[in-house]
Amino acid sequence: MQALSIGDRVRLLDEAREGLVEALKSNEALVRFDPDFAEWVPVRELVQGQLPLEELTGSTMKEGSATPKMDSQRSETGLKEVDLHLGALLDFPGRLSASEALEFQLKTAKQALSDCRRARIPRLVLIHGVGEGVLRAKISEWLEGLEGVEYYDASYARYGRGATEVRIRRLG
């Protein structure tokens, strides 16, 4: 392994946790795992680089990894609402790079649509927020290529400009 430097992204050898090196002393590094937690870790237990997205968000997550939250989705009769804000989806969203975060948000949206089709829920609201519009654009790009759906801005009174409503037509 290359010598560690302050600011390096590292992960633990035996756990699905990663963080940033904040300080170094002899054979230890102070690693910030989330905004409220840092600890001194022996350098021999660290690997430089990021965890694959599957290890951070997959079903075989280990304690301390990015953990999906279950309260980001709400269903009403005929409507499923999914909040795609990272803070609503993950306990530790800062552990994902921007591209990993976007990939996880899109995967969540795709799963929500699949769940709606399976449960015969005709409407899905994807709450993406306003931000810079990257997630909204990716959602539109994905939905544009799908058969059996139409989509449009969700209720401005309820969501502002930060949500897309998907109407799901029965196929077949």
Protein backbone atom coordinates (compact mmCIF):
# COMPACT_ATOMS: atom_id res chain seq x y z
CA MET A 1 0.00 0.00 0.00
CA GLN A 2 1.17 3.53 -0.74
CA ALA A 3 1.89 5.77 2.20
CA LEU A 4 -1.26 7.41 3.53
CA SER A 5 -1.75 11.15 3.37
CA ILE A 6 -4.21 13.45 5.08
CA GLY A 7 -7.36 13.62 2.93
CA ASP A 8 -7.02 10.08 1.53
CA ARG A 9 -10.20 8.02 1.31
CA VAL A 10 -9.65 4.70 3.09
CA ARG A 11 -11.66 1.68 4.10
CA LEU A 12 -11.26 -0.90 6.83
CA LEU A 13 -10.01 -4.33 5.81
CA ASP A 14 -12.55 -6.36 7.74
CA GLU A 15 -15.58 -4.05 7.83
CA ALA A 16 -17.74 -2.23 5.28
CA ARG A 17 -16.77 1.20 6.59
CA GLU A 18 -14.83 3.93 4.87
CA GLY A 19 -13.79 7.42 5.71
CA LEU A 20 -11.23 10.17 5.24
CA VAL A 21 -7.82 10.38 6.88
CA GLU A 22 -7.69 13.50 9.06
CA ALA A 23 -4.38 12.99 10.87
CA LEU A 24 -1.43 10.59 11.00
CA LYS A 25 0.89 9.49 13.82
CA SER A 26 3.45 6.67 13.78
CA ASN A 27 1.42 3.61 12.69
CA GLU A 28 -2.09 5.02 13.14
CA ALA A 29 -4.46 7.21 11.18
CA LEU A 30 -7.34 9.30 12.50
CA VAL A 31 -10.21 8.33 10.18
CA ARG A 32 -13.47 10.32 10.02
CA PHE A 33 -16.22 7.77 9.31
CA ASP A 34 -19.11 10.24 9.46
CA PRO A 35 -19.57 13.86 10.54
CA ASP A 36 -19.87 12.91 14.21
CA PHE A 37 -17.39 10.06 14.50
CA ALA A 38 -13.64 9.65 13.97
CA GLU A 39 -11.28 7.11 15.46
CA TRP A 40 -7.61 6.19 15.48
CA VAL A 41 -7.07 3.03 13.41
CA PRO A 42 -3.84 1.05 12.89
CA VAL A 43 -2.57 1.73 9.36
CA ARG A 44 -2.22 -2.04 8.72
CA GLU A 45 -6.04 -2.32 8.99
CA LEU A 46 -6.69 0.27 6.25
CA VAL A 47 -6.90 0.03 2.47
CA GLN A 48 -6.86 3.08 0.23
CA GLY A 49 -9.90 3.62 -2.00
CA GLN A 50 -13.67 3.32 -1.88
CA LEU A 51 -15.95 0.41 -1.26
CA PRO A 52 -18.00 -0.86 -4.20
CA LEU A 53 -21.57 0.49 -4.15
CA GLU A 54 -22.99 -3.00 -3.50
CA GLU A 55 -21.09 -3.24 -0.22
CA LEU A 56 -22.37 0.15 0.91
CA THR A 57 -26.00 -0.32 -0.06
CA GLY A 58 -26.56 -4.03 -0.74
CA SER A 59 -28.55 -6.52 1.24
CA THR A 60 -25.44 -7.94 2.93
CA MET A 61 -24.54 -4.69 4.65
CA LYS A 62 -22.42 -4.79 7.76
CA GLU A 63 -22.84 -2.65 10.85
CA GLY A 64 -21.54 0.86 10.27
CA SER A 65 -22.10 0.89 6.53
CA ALA A 66 -24.57 3.11 4.69
CA THR A 67 -27.89 1.69 5.78
CA PRO A 68 -31.12 2.06 3.82
CA LYS A 69 -33.97 3.56 5.80
CA MET A 70 -37.43 2.14 5.46
CA ASP A 71 -39.36 5.38 6.16
CA SER A 72 -38.48 6.97 2.83
CA GLN A 73 -41.53 5.41 1.20
CA ARG A 74 -45.17 6.03 1.92
CA SER A 75 -48.20 4.45 0.29
CA GLU A 76 -51.76 5.70 0.07
CA THR A 77 -54.53 4.04 -1.84
CA GLY A 78 -53.54 4.21 -5.48
CA LEU A 79 -50.40 6.25 -4.78
CA LYS A 80 -46.88 5.40 -3.67
CA GLU A 81 -44.59 8.24 -2.64
CA VAL A 82 -40.80 7.76 -2.49
CA ASP A 83 -38.40 10.38 -1.14
CA LEU A 84 -35.15 10.07 -3.11
CA HIS A 85 -33.20 12.55 -0.97
CA LEU A 86 -30.13 10.70 0.28
CA GLY A 87 -30.84 11.71 3.86
CA ALA A 88 -34.20 9.95 3.60
CA LEU A 89 -32.72 6.82 2.02
CA LEU A 90 -29.49 6.26 3.96
CA ASP A 91 -28.30 6.66 7.52
CA PHE A 92 -24.83 7.77 6.37
CA PRO A 93 -25.25 9.32 2.90
CA GLY A 94 -21.84 11.03 3.00
CA ARG A 95 -20.18 7.69 2.41
CA LEU A 96 -21.20 7.66 -1.25
CA SER A 97 -19.53 9.57 -4.04
CA ALA A 98 -21.79 11.70 -6.21
CA SER A 99 -21.97 9.04 -8.92
CA GLU A 100 -22.67 6.26 -6.39
CA ALA A 101 -25.39 8.38 -4.80
CA LEU A 102 -27.06 9.04 -8.16
CA GLU A 103 -26.84 5.34 -9.04
CA PHE A 104 -28.43 4.40 -5.70
CA GLN A 105 -31.23 6.97 -6.10
CA LEU A 106 -32.04 5.70 -9.61
CA LYS A 107 -31.96 2.09 -8.41
CA THR A 108 -34.41 3.06 -5.65
CA ALA A 109 -36.72 4.78 -8.17
CA LYS A 110 -36.63 1.76 -10.50
CA GLN A 111 -37.43 -0.59 -7.61
CA ALA A 112 -40.33 1.64 -6.56
CA LEU A 113 -41.81 1.53 -10.07
CA SER A 114 -41.40 -2.25 -10.15
CA ASP A 115 -43.11 -2.51 -6.74
CA CYS A 116 -46.00 -0.35 -8.00
CA ARG A 117 -46.49 -2.49 -11.07
CA ARG A 118 -46.45 -5.67 -9.01
CA ALA A 119 -48.91 -4.25 -6.44
CA ARG A 120 -51.04 -2.61 -9.17
CA ILE A 121 -50.56 0.86 -7.69
CA PRO A 122 -51.35 3.26 -10.56
CA ARG A 123 -49.44 6.36 -9.37
CA LEU A 124 -45.91 6.87 -8.11
CA VAL A 125 -44.47 10.17 -6.88
CA LEU A 126 -40.67 10.37 -6.93
CA ILE A 127 -39.50 13.20 -4.68
CA HIS A 128 -36.13 14.27 -6.08
CA GLY A 129 -35.87 17.84 -4.85
CA VAL A 130 -34.82 20.83 -6.90
CA GLY A 131 -31.03 21.03 -6.48
CA GLU A 132 -29.08 21.26 -9.73
CA GLY A 133 -31.58 19.08 -11.58
CA VAL A 134 -29.26 16.12 -12.22
CA LEU A 135 -31.47 13.49 -10.57
CA ARG A 136 -34.62 14.94 -12.15
CA ALA A 137 -32.99 14.80 -15.60
CA LYS A 138 -31.84 11.21 -15.09
CA ILE A 139 -35.31 10.18 -13.93
CA SER A 140 -36.88 11.81 -17.02
CA GLU A 141 -34.32 10.14 -19.29
CA TRP A 142 -35.08 6.73 -17.75
CA LEU A 143 -38.88 7.17 -17.85
CA GLU A 144 -38.81 8.44 -21.44
CA GLY A 145 -37.68 5.01 -22.62
CA LEU A 146 -40.31 3.03 -20.73
CA GLU A 147 -43.51 1.63 -22.16
CA GLY A 148 -46.71 1.92 -20.17
CA VAL A 149 -45.92 5.04 -18.16
CA GLU A 150 -46.51 8.73 -18.49
CA TYR A 151 -44.86 11.24 -16.22
CA TYR A 152 -45.13 14.90 -15.38
CA ASP A 153 -44.38 17.39 -12.59
CA ALA A 154 -46.16 16.35 -9.41
CA SER A 155 -48.51 18.71 -7.56
CA TYR A 156 -46.78 22.04 -7.08
CA ALA A 157 -48.94 22.77 -4.02
CA ARG A 158 -47.71 19.62 -2.30
CA TYR A 159 -44.13 19.18 -3.60
CA GLY A 160 -43.06 22.46 -5.12
CA ARG A 161 -40.91 21.81 -8.20
CA GLY A 162 -39.13 18.89 -6.57
CA ALA A 163 -41.14 15.82 -7.56
CA THR A 164 -42.19 13.82 -10.60
CA GLU A 165 -45.45 11.88 -10.75
CA VAL A 166 -45.56 8.68 -12.78
CA ARG A 167 -48.88 7.30 -13.98
CA ILE A 168 -48.63 3.59 -14.63
CA ARG A 169 -50.84 2.05 -17.28
CA ARG A 170 -51.58 -1.64 -17.25
CA LEU A 171 -49.75 -3.51 -19.96
CA GLY A 172 -51.25 -6.41 -21.83
